[in-house]
Amino acid sequence: MHSHMHSPEKNKRWFVAYTLPRTEKKVHSILNNMGVESFLPLQKEVRVWKDRRKKLEVPMFPNYIFVHSVPGDRYGILKIREVVRYISFEGKPATVSSELIEALRRVIDSQPEVTGDPIYISGMAVRVEDGPFAGIEGLMIRKNGRSRLVIEIQVLQRNVSIDISSHIVVPI
Protein backbone atom coordinates (compact mmCIF):
# COMPACT_ATOMS: atom_id res chain seq x y z
CA MET A 1 0.00 0.00 0.00
CA HIS A 2 1.44 3.37 -0.90
CA SER A 3 0.37 6.37 1.08
CA HIS A 4 -0.27 9.74 -0.47
CA MET A 5 -0.21 13.13 1.19
CA HIS A 6 -3.77 13.11 2.48
CA SER A 7 -3.77 9.58 3.82
CA PRO A 8 -5.66 9.56 7.14
CA GLU A 9 -3.30 6.80 8.30
CA LYS A 10 -0.72 9.32 9.39
CA ASN A 11 -3.30 11.25 11.43
CA LYS A 12 -4.07 8.18 13.47
CA ARG A 13 -3.15 8.25 17.13
CA TRP A 14 -3.28 5.69 19.92
CA PHE A 15 -5.99 6.84 22.32
CA VAL A 16 -6.74 5.19 25.63
CA ALA A 17 -10.37 4.24 26.22
CA TYR A 18 -11.77 3.37 29.64
CA THR A 19 -14.27 0.52 29.64
CA LEU A 20 -16.85 -0.89 31.98
CA PRO A 21 -15.38 -3.60 34.26
CA ARG A 22 -14.67 -6.94 32.60
CA THR A 23 -15.78 -5.77 29.14
CA GLU A 24 -12.29 -5.17 27.69
CA LYS A 25 -12.37 -8.27 25.46
CA LYS A 26 -15.90 -7.48 24.28
CA VAL A 27 -14.92 -3.90 23.36
CA HIS A 28 -11.87 -5.29 21.58
CA SER A 29 -14.04 -7.50 19.38
CA ILE A 30 -16.68 -4.78 18.75
CA LEU A 31 -13.91 -2.43 17.57
CA ASN A 32 -12.49 -5.22 15.45
CA ASN A 33 -15.88 -5.71 13.80
CA MET A 34 -16.09 -1.95 13.16
CA GLY A 35 -12.71 -2.13 11.41
CA VAL A 36 -11.03 -0.08 14.13
CA GLU A 37 -7.57 -1.21 15.20
CA SER A 38 -7.21 -1.64 18.93
CA PHE A 39 -4.71 -3.23 21.26
CA LEU A 40 -5.62 -5.08 24.43
CA PRO A 41 -2.50 -6.36 26.19
CA LEU A 42 -3.29 -9.63 27.96
CA GLN A 43 -1.12 -11.43 30.43
CA LYS A 44 -1.24 -15.08 31.34
CA GLU A 45 -2.23 -15.68 34.92
CA VAL A 46 -2.46 -18.96 36.71
CA ARG A 47 -5.43 -19.10 39.06
CA VAL A 48 -5.38 -21.84 41.63
CA TRP A 49 -8.58 -23.34 42.99
CA LYS A 50 -8.74 -26.10 45.58
CA ASP A 51 -8.75 -28.85 42.99
CA ARG A 52 -7.27 -27.36 39.86
CA ARG A 53 -5.08 -24.74 38.26
CA LYS A 54 -6.31 -22.71 35.35
CA LYS A 55 -4.39 -20.48 32.98
CA LEU A 56 -6.29 -17.32 32.19
CA GLU A 57 -5.51 -14.43 29.90
CA VAL A 58 -6.34 -11.30 31.82
CA PRO A 59 -5.98 -7.67 30.76
CA MET A 60 -2.66 -6.20 31.83
CA PHE A 61 -4.45 -2.89 32.48
CA PRO A 62 -7.97 -3.66 33.68
CA ASN A 63 -10.61 -1.31 32.18
CA TYR A 64 -8.22 0.11 29.57
CA ILE A 65 -7.97 -0.52 25.86
CA PHE A 66 -5.75 1.29 23.34
CA VAL A 67 -7.60 2.49 20.24
CA HIS A 68 -5.83 3.48 17.02
CA SER A 69 -7.96 6.03 15.21
CA VAL A 70 -8.10 9.50 13.76
CA PRO A 71 -9.24 12.10 16.30
CA GLY A 72 -12.62 12.59 14.59
CA ASP A 73 -13.56 8.91 14.89
CA ARG A 74 -13.50 9.08 18.67
CA TYR A 75 -17.16 10.00 18.91
CA GLY A 76 -18.37 6.94 17.03
CA ILE A 77 -16.29 4.77 19.33
CA LEU A 78 -17.82 6.45 22.40
CA LYS A 79 -21.22 5.22 21.21
CA ILE A 80 -20.19 1.70 22.20
CA ARG A 81 -22.12 1.09 25.42
CA GLU A 82 -19.16 -0.50 27.21
CA VAL A 83 -16.82 2.41 26.46
CA VAL A 84 -17.16 4.88 29.32
CA ARG A 85 -14.82 7.64 28.20
CA TYR A 86 -11.42 8.50 26.84
CA ILE A 87 -8.59 9.16 29.23
CA SER A 88 -7.70 12.83 28.96
CA PHE A 89 -5.11 15.21 30.36
CA GLU A 90 -6.17 18.81 30.90
CA GLY A 91 -9.24 18.38 28.75
CA LYS A 92 -7.36 16.90 25.77
CA PRO A 93 -7.66 13.19 24.95
CA ALA A 94 -4.47 11.47 26.04
CA THR A 95 -2.48 9.66 23.39
CA VAL A 96 0.34 7.19 23.77
CA SER A 97 3.23 6.78 21.37
CA SER A 98 3.39 3.92 18.92
CA GLU A 99 6.81 3.16 20.49
CA LEU A 100 5.06 2.42 23.78
CA ILE A 101 2.50 0.21 22.02
CA GLU A 102 5.34 -1.69 20.31
CA ALA A 103 7.19 -2.08 23.61
CA LEU A 104 4.02 -3.47 25.21
CA ARG A 105 3.58 -5.90 22.33
CA ARG A 106 7.11 -7.13 23.00
CA VAL A 107 6.38 -7.47 26.71
CA ILE A 108 3.36 -9.62 25.81
CA ASP A 109 5.43 -11.68 23.36
CA SER A 110 8.19 -12.28 25.88
CA GLN A 111 5.94 -13.81 28.50
CA PRO A 112 5.92 -15.78 30.77
CA GLU A 113 8.86 -13.80 32.17
CA VAL A 114 6.62 -10.81 32.77
CA THR A 115 4.72 -10.35 35.99
CA GLY A 116 2.25 -7.57 36.55
CA ASP A 117 3.02 -6.71 40.13
CA PRO A 118 6.59 -6.71 41.39
CA ILE A 119 6.84 -7.25 45.12
CA TYR A 120 10.35 -5.86 45.38
CA ILE A 121 11.30 -2.34 46.33
CA SER A 122 12.71 -0.63 43.30
CA GLY A 123 16.24 0.70 43.39
CA MET A 124 18.54 2.25 40.87
CA ALA A 125 17.43 3.68 37.54
CA VAL A 126 18.64 1.74 34.51
CA ARG A 127 18.29 1.84 30.75
CA VAL A 128 18.14 -1.14 28.42
CA GLU A 129 20.73 -0.71 25.66
CA ASP A 130 20.00 -3.59 23.33
CA GLY A 131 17.38 -6.14 22.35
CA PRO A 132 13.63 -5.63 22.00
CA PHE A 133 13.47 -3.29 24.99
CA ALA A 134 16.30 -1.03 23.83
CA GLY A 135 15.82 2.54 24.99
CA ILE A 136 13.36 1.75 27.74
CA GLU A 137 14.25 3.06 31.19
CA GLY A 138 13.23 1.40 34.39
CA LEU A 139 14.20 0.55 37.92
CA MET A 140 16.36 -2.34 38.96
CA ILE A 141 14.44 -4.56 41.36
CA ARG A 142 16.78 -7.46 42.02
CA LYS A 143 19.30 -9.79 40.51
CA ASN A 144 18.02 -13.08 39.25
CA GLY A 145 20.94 -15.46 39.22
CA ARG A 146 24.33 -14.36 38.00
CA SER A 147 23.50 -12.78 34.70
CA ARG A 148 19.90 -11.61 34.85
CA LEU A 149 18.15 -8.63 36.35
CA VAL A 150 14.53 -8.02 37.03
CA ILE A 151 13.74 -4.43 36.15
CA GLU A 152 10.51 -2.54 36.43
CA ILE A 153 9.16 -0.30 33.69
CA GLN A 154 6.16 1.97 34.03
CA VAL A 155 3.23 1.93 31.66
CA LEU A 156 -0.03 3.76 32.34
CA GLN A 157 0.89 4.33 36.00
CA ARG A 158 1.32 0.61 36.40
CA ASN A 159 4.58 -1.22 36.99
CA VAL A 160 5.45 -4.15 34.79
CA SER A 161 8.54 -6.13 35.69
CA ILE A 162 10.67 -7.82 33.09
CA ASP A 163 13.47 -10.33 33.47
CA ILE A 164 16.39 -9.31 31.29
CA SER A 165 20.01 -10.15 30.65
CA SER A 166 22.23 -7.89 32.80
CA HIS A 167 24.83 -7.29 30.10
CA ILE A 168 22.43 -5.15 28.06
CA VAL A 169 21.38 -2.92 30.98
CA VAL A 170 23.27 0.19 32.07
CA PRO A 171 22.78 2.48 35.07
CA ILE A 172 21.61 6.01 34.29
C-alpha atoms as a PDB file:
ATOM      1  CA  MET A   1       0.000   0.000   0.000  1.00  0.00           C
ATOM      2  CA  HIS A   2       1.435   3.370  -0.904  1.00  0.00           C
ATOM      3  CA  SER A   3       0.365   6.373   1.083  1.00  0.00           C
ATOM      4  CA  HIS A   4      -0.272   9.737  -0.469  1.00  0.00           C
ATOM      5  CA  MET A   5      -0.209  13.132   1.189  1.00  0.00           C
ATOM      6  CA  HIS A   6      -3.771  13.113   2.485  1.00  0.00           C
ATOM      7  CA  SER A   7      -3.774   9.582   3.824  1.00  0.00           C
ATOM      8  CA  PRO A   8      -5.660   9.560   7.137  1.00  0.00           C
ATOM      9  CA  GLU A   9      -3.299   6.795   8.299  1.00  0.00           C
ATOM     10  CA  LYS A  10      -0.718   9.315   9.386  1.00  0.00           C
ATOM     11  CA  ASN A  11      -3.297  11.249  11.426  1.00  0.00           C
ATOM     12  CA  LYS A  12      -4.068   8.175  13.473  1.00  0.00           C
ATOM     13  CA  ARG A  13      -3.153   8.246  17.133  1.00  0.00           C
ATOM     14  CA  TRP A  14      -3.283   5.695  19.916  1.00  0.00           C
ATOM     15  CA  PHE A  15      -5.989   6.845  22.324  1.00  0.00           C
ATOM     16  CA  VAL A  16      -6.743   5.194  25.629  1.00  0.00           C
ATOM     17  CA  ALA A  17     -10.372   4.245  26.222  1.00  0.00           C
ATOM     18  CA  TYR A  18     -11.769   3.368  29.638  1.00  0.00           C
ATOM     19  CA  THR A  19     -14.273   0.517  29.636  1.00  0.00           C
ATOM     20  CA  LEU A  20     -16.852  -0.893  31.982  1.00  0.00           C
ATOM     21  CA  PRO A  21     -15.380  -3.599  34.262  1.00  0.00           C
ATOM     22  CA  ARG A  22     -14.666  -6.940  32.596  1.00  0.00           C
ATOM     23  CA  THR A  23     -15.781  -5.771  29.143  1.00  0.00           C
ATOM     24  CA  GLU A  24     -12.295  -5.167  27.689  1.00  0.00           C
ATOM     25  CA  LYS A  25     -12.374  -8.270  25.459  1.00  0.00           C
ATOM     26  CA  LYS A  26     -15.901  -7.484  24.285  1.00  0.00           C
ATOM     27  CA  VAL A  27     -14.923  -3.900  23.361  1.00  0.00           C
ATOM     28  CA  HIS A  28     -11.869  -5.287  21.583  1.00  0.00           C
ATOM     29  CA  SER A  29     -14.036  -7.505  19.384  1.00  0.00           C
ATOM     30  CA  ILE A  30     -16.677  -4.782  18.754  1.00  0.00           C
ATOM     31  CA  LEU A  31     -13.914  -2.427  17.569  1.00  0.00           C
ATOM     32  CA  ASN A  32     -12.489  -5.216  15.449  1.00  0.00           C
ATOM     33  CA  ASN A  33     -15.875  -5.707  13.801  1.00  0.00           C
ATOM     34  CA  MET A  34     -16.088  -1.953  13.155  1.00  0.00           C
ATOM     35  CA  GLY A  35     -12.711  -2.134  11.409  1.00  0.00           C
ATOM     36  CA  VAL A  36     -11.026  -0.080  14.133  1.00  0.00           C
ATOM     37  CA  GLU A  37      -7.574  -1.210  15.202  1.00  0.00           C
ATOM     38  CA  SER A  38      -7.213  -1.644  18.935  1.00  0.00           C
ATOM     39  CA  PHE A  39      -4.706  -3.233  21.263  1.00  0.00           C
ATOM     40  CA  LEU A  40      -5.623  -5.080  24.428  1.00  0.00           C
ATOM     41  CA  PRO A  41      -2.501  -6.361  26.195  1.00  0.00           C
ATOM     42  CA  LEU A  42      -3.291  -9.628  27.958  1.00  0.00           C
ATOM     43  CA  GLN A  43      -1.115 -11.429  30.430  1.00  0.00           C
ATOM     44  CA  LYS A  44      -1.243 -15.079  31.343  1.00  0.00           C
ATOM     45  CA  GLU A  45      -2.230 -15.685  34.919  1.00  0.00           C
ATOM     46  CA  VAL A  46      -2.464 -18.961  36.711  1.00  0.00           C
ATOM     47  CA  ARG A  47      -5.428 -19.101  39.061  1.00  0.00           C
ATOM     48  CA  VAL A  48      -5.375 -21.842  41.631  1.00  0.00           C
ATOM     49  CA  TRP A  49      -8.584 -23.336  42.992  1.00  0.00           C
ATOM     50  CA  LYS A  50      -8.737 -26.098  45.576  1.00  0.00           C
ATOM     51  CA  ASP A  51      -8.752 -28.855  42.994  1.00  0.00           C
ATOM     52  CA  ARG A  52      -7.272 -27.358  39.861  1.00  0.00           C
ATOM     53  CA  ARG A  53      -5.080 -24.745  38.256  1.00  0.00           C
ATOM     54  CA  LYS A  54      -6.306 -22.706  35.346  1.00  0.00           C
ATOM     55  CA  LYS A  55      -4.391 -20.475  32.977  1.00  0.00           C
ATOM     56  CA  LEU A  56      -6.292 -17.317  32.186  1.00  0.00           C
ATOM     57  CA  GLU A  57      -5.515 -14.434  29.901  1.00  0.00           C
ATOM     58  CA  VAL A  58      -6.341 -11.301  31.815  1.00  0.00           C
ATOM     59  CA  PRO A  59      -5.983  -7.667  30.764  1.00  0.00           C
ATOM     60  CA  MET A  60      -2.664  -6.197  31.835  1.00  0.00           C
ATOM     61  CA  PHE A  61      -4.450  -2.886  32.475  1.00  0.00           C
ATOM     62  CA  PRO A  62      -7.965  -3.663  33.679  1.00  0.00           C
ATOM     63  CA  ASN A  63     -10.607  -1.314  32.175  1.00  0.00           C
ATOM     64  CA  TYR A  64      -8.219   0.113  29.572  1.00  0.00           C
ATOM     65  CA  ILE A  65      -7.966  -0.522  25.857  1.00  0.00           C
ATOM     66  CA  PHE A  66      -5.754   1.286  23.338  1.00  0.00           C
ATOM     67  CA  VAL A  67      -7.596   2.494  20.243  1.00  0.00           C
ATOM     68  CA  HIS A  68      -5.831   3.478  17.016  1.00  0.00           C
ATOM     69  CA  SER A  69      -7.958   6.028  15.211  1.00  0.00           C
ATOM     70  CA  VAL A  70      -8.097   9.497  13.757  1.00  0.00           C
ATOM     71  CA  PRO A  71      -9.244  12.102  16.299  1.00  0.00           C
ATOM     72  CA  GLY A  72     -12.621  12.590  14.591  1.00  0.00           C
ATOM     73  CA  ASP A  73     -13.563   8.906  14.894  1.00  0.00           C
ATOM     74  CA  ARG A  74     -13.502   9.078  18.669  1.00  0.00           C
ATOM     75  CA  TYR A  75     -17.164   9.996  18.908  1.00  0.00           C
ATOM     76  CA  GLY A  76     -18.373   6.935  17.028  1.00  0.00           C
ATOM     77  CA  ILE A  77     -16.294   4.770  19.331  1.00  0.00           C
ATOM     78  CA  LEU A  78     -17.820   6.449  22.396  1.00  0.00           C
ATOM     79  CA  LYS A  79     -21.222   5.224  21.213  1.00  0.00           C
ATOM     80  CA  ILE A  80     -20.189   1.702  22.203  1.00  0.00           C
ATOM     81  CA  ARG A  81     -22.115   1.093  25.415  1.00  0.00           C
ATOM     82  CA  GLU A  82     -19.160  -0.502  27.205  1.00  0.00           C
ATOM     83  CA  VAL A  83     -16.825   2.414  26.464  1.00  0.00           C
ATOM     84  CA  VAL A  84     -17.158   4.880  29.325  1.00  0.00           C
ATOM     85  CA  ARG A  85     -14.818   7.635  28.197  1.00  0.00           C
ATOM     86  CA  TYR A  86     -11.420   8.496  26.838  1.00  0.00           C
ATOM     87  CA  ILE A  87      -8.585   9.164  29.228  1.00  0.00           C
ATOM     88  CA  SER A  88      -7.695  12.825  28.958  1.00  0.00           C
ATOM     89  CA  PHE A  89      -5.114  15.207  30.358  1.00  0.00           C
ATOM     90  CA  GLU A  90      -6.173  18.810  30.905  1.00  0.00           C
ATOM     91  CA  GLY A  91      -9.242  18.375  28.749  1.00  0.00           C
ATOM     92  CA  LYS A  92      -7.361  16.902  25.768  1.00  0.00           C
ATOM     93  CA  PRO A  93      -7.658  13.194  24.953  1.00  0.00           C
ATOM     94  CA  ALA A  94      -4.471  11.466  26.042  1.00  0.00           C
ATOM     95  CA  THR A  95      -2.485   9.663  23.387  1.00  0.00           C
ATOM     96  CA  VAL A  96       0.339   7.188  23.768  1.00  0.00           C
ATOM     97  CA  SER A  97       3.230   6.782  21.371  1.00  0.00           C
ATOM     98  CA  SER A  98       3.395   3.916  18.917  1.00  0.00           C
ATOM     99  CA  GLU A  99       6.809   3.156  20.491  1.00  0.00           C
ATOM    100  CA  LEU A 100       5.063   2.416  23.777  1.00  0.00           C
ATOM    101  CA  ILE A 101       2.500   0.207  22.022  1.00  0.00           C
ATOM    102  CA  GLU A 102       5.342  -1.687  20.309  1.00  0.00           C
ATOM    103  CA  ALA A 103       7.186  -2.083  23.609  1.00  0.00           C
ATOM    104  CA  LEU A 104       4.019  -3.470  25.208  1.00  0.00           C
ATOM    105  CA  ARG A 105       3.583  -5.900  22.326  1.00  0.00           C
ATOM    106  CA  ARG A 106       7.113  -7.126  22.999  1.00  0.00           C
ATOM    107  CA  VAL A 107       6.381  -7.472  26.712  1.00  0.00           C
ATOM    108  CA  ILE A 108       3.362  -9.617  25.809  1.00  0.00           C
ATOM    109  CA  ASP A 109       5.427 -11.682  23.355  1.00  0.00           C
ATOM    110  CA  SER A 110       8.192 -12.283  25.883  1.00  0.00           C
ATOM    111  CA  GLN A 111       5.942 -13.812  28.503  1.00  0.00           C
ATOM    112  CA  PRO A 112       5.924 -15.775  30.775  1.00  0.00           C
ATOM    113  CA  GLU A 113       8.859 -13.800  32.173  1.00  0.00           C
ATOM    114  CA  VAL A 114       6.621 -10.813  32.770  1.00  0.00           C
ATOM    115  CA  THR A 115       4.718 -10.349  35.991  1.00  0.00           C
ATOM    116  CA  GLY A 116       2.247  -7.570  36.554  1.00  0.00           C
ATOM    117  CA  ASP A 117       3.019  -6.706  40.134  1.00  0.00           C
ATOM    118  CA  PRO A 118       6.586  -6.710  41.391  1.00  0.00           C
ATOM    119  CA  ILE A 119       6.844  -7.246  45.115  1.00  0.00           C
ATOM    120  CA  TYR A 120      10.347  -5.856  45.381  1.00  0.00           C
ATOM    121  CA  ILE A 121      11.299  -2.342  46.326  1.00  0.00           C
ATOM    122  CA  SER A 122      12.711  -0.630  43.296  1.00  0.00           C
ATOM    123  CA  GLY A 123      16.243   0.702  43.385  1.00  0.00           C
ATOM    124  CA  MET A 124      18.542   2.253  40.868  1.00  0.00           C
ATOM    125  CA  ALA A 125      17.430   3.681  37.543  1.00  0.00           C
ATOM    126  CA  VAL A 126      18.636   1.738  34.514  1.00  0.00           C
ATOM    127  CA  ARG A 127      18.288   1.839  30.753  1.00  0.00           C
ATOM    128  CA  VAL A 128      18.142  -1.135  28.418  1.00  0.00           C
ATOM    129  CA  GLU A 129      20.729  -0.711  25.663  1.00  0.00           C
ATOM    130  CA  ASP A 130      20.000  -3.593  23.334  1.00  0.00           C
ATOM    131  CA  GLY A 131      17.379  -6.144  22.348  1.00  0.00           C
ATOM    132  CA  PRO A 132      13.633  -5.634  21.998  1.00  0.00           C
ATOM    133  CA  PHE A 133      13.468  -3.288  24.992  1.00  0.00           C
ATOM    134  CA  ALA A 134      16.303  -1.031  23.834  1.00  0.00           C
ATOM    135  CA  GLY A 135      15.822   2.542  24.993  1.00  0.00           C
ATOM    136  CA  ILE A 136      13.364   1.746  27.739  1.00  0.00           C
ATOM    137  CA  GLU A 137      14.248   3.056  31.189  1.00  0.00           C
ATOM    138  CA  GLY A 138      13.230   1.400  34.391  1.00  0.00           C
ATOM    139  CA  LEU A 139      14.204   0.554  37.921  1.00  0.00           C
ATOM    140  CA  MET A 140      16.363  -2.340  38.963  1.00  0.00           C
ATOM    141  CA  ILE A 141      14.443  -4.562  41.357  1.00  0.00           C
ATOM    142  CA  ARG A 142      16.776  -7.459  42.023  1.00  0.00           C
ATOM    143  CA  LYS A 143      19.300  -9.794  40.513  1.00  0.00           C
ATOM    144  CA  ASN A 144      18.020 -13.080  39.246  1.00  0.00           C
ATOM    145  CA  GLY A 145      20.937 -15.462  39.224  1.00  0.00           C
ATOM    146  CA  ARG A 146      24.330 -14.360  38.000  1.00  0.00           C
ATOM    147  CA  SER A 147      23.503 -12.783  34.700  1.00  0.00           C
ATOM    148  CA  ARG A 148      19.904 -11.606  34.848  1.00  0.00           C
ATOM    149  CA  LEU A 149      18.150  -8.629  36.353  1.00  0.00           C
ATOM    150  CA  VAL A 150      14.535  -8.021  37.027  1.00  0.00           C
ATOM    151  CA  ILE A 151      13.740  -4.434  36.152  1.00  0.00           C
ATOM    152  CA  GLU A 152      10.512  -2.541  36.427  1.00  0.00           C
ATOM    153  CA  ILE A 153       9.163  -0.298  33.694  1.00  0.00           C
ATOM    154  CA  GLN A 154       6.160   1.970  34.031  1.00  0.00           C
ATOM    155  CA  VAL A 155       3.230   1.928  31.663  1.00  0.00           C
ATOM    156  CA  LEU A 156      -0.030   3.758  32.344  1.00  0.00           C
ATOM    157  CA  GLN A 157       0.885   4.333  35.995  1.00  0.00           C
ATOM    158  CA  ARG A 158       1.319   0.608  36.399  1.00  0.00           C
ATOM    159  CA  ASN A 159       4.577  -1.218  36.990  1.00  0.00           C
ATOM    160  CA  VAL A 160       5.453  -4.153  34.793  1.00  0.00           C
ATOM    161  CA  SER A 161       8.539  -6.128  35.695  1.00  0.00           C
ATOM    162  CA  ILE A 162      10.675  -7.816  33.086  1.00  0.00           C
ATOM    163  CA  ASP A 163      13.466 -10.328  33.474  1.00  0.00           C
ATOM    164  CA  ILE A 164      16.386  -9.314  31.291  1.00  0.00           C
ATOM    165  CA  SER A 165      20.010 -10.151  30.654  1.00  0.00           C
ATOM    166  CA  SER A 166      22.226  -7.891  32.797  1.00  0.00           C
ATOM    167  CA  HIS A 167      24.832  -7.293  30.101  1.00  0.00           C
ATOM    168  CA  ILE A 168      22.433  -5.146  28.059  1.00  0.00           C
ATOM    169  CA  VAL A 169      21.377  -2.924  30.976  1.00  0.00           C
ATOM    170  CA  VAL A 170      23.269   0.188  32.069  1.00  0.00           C
ATOM    171  CA  PRO A 171      22.777   2.480  35.068  1.00  0.00           C
ATOM    172  CA  ILE A 172      21.612   6.011  34.292  1.00  0.00           C
END
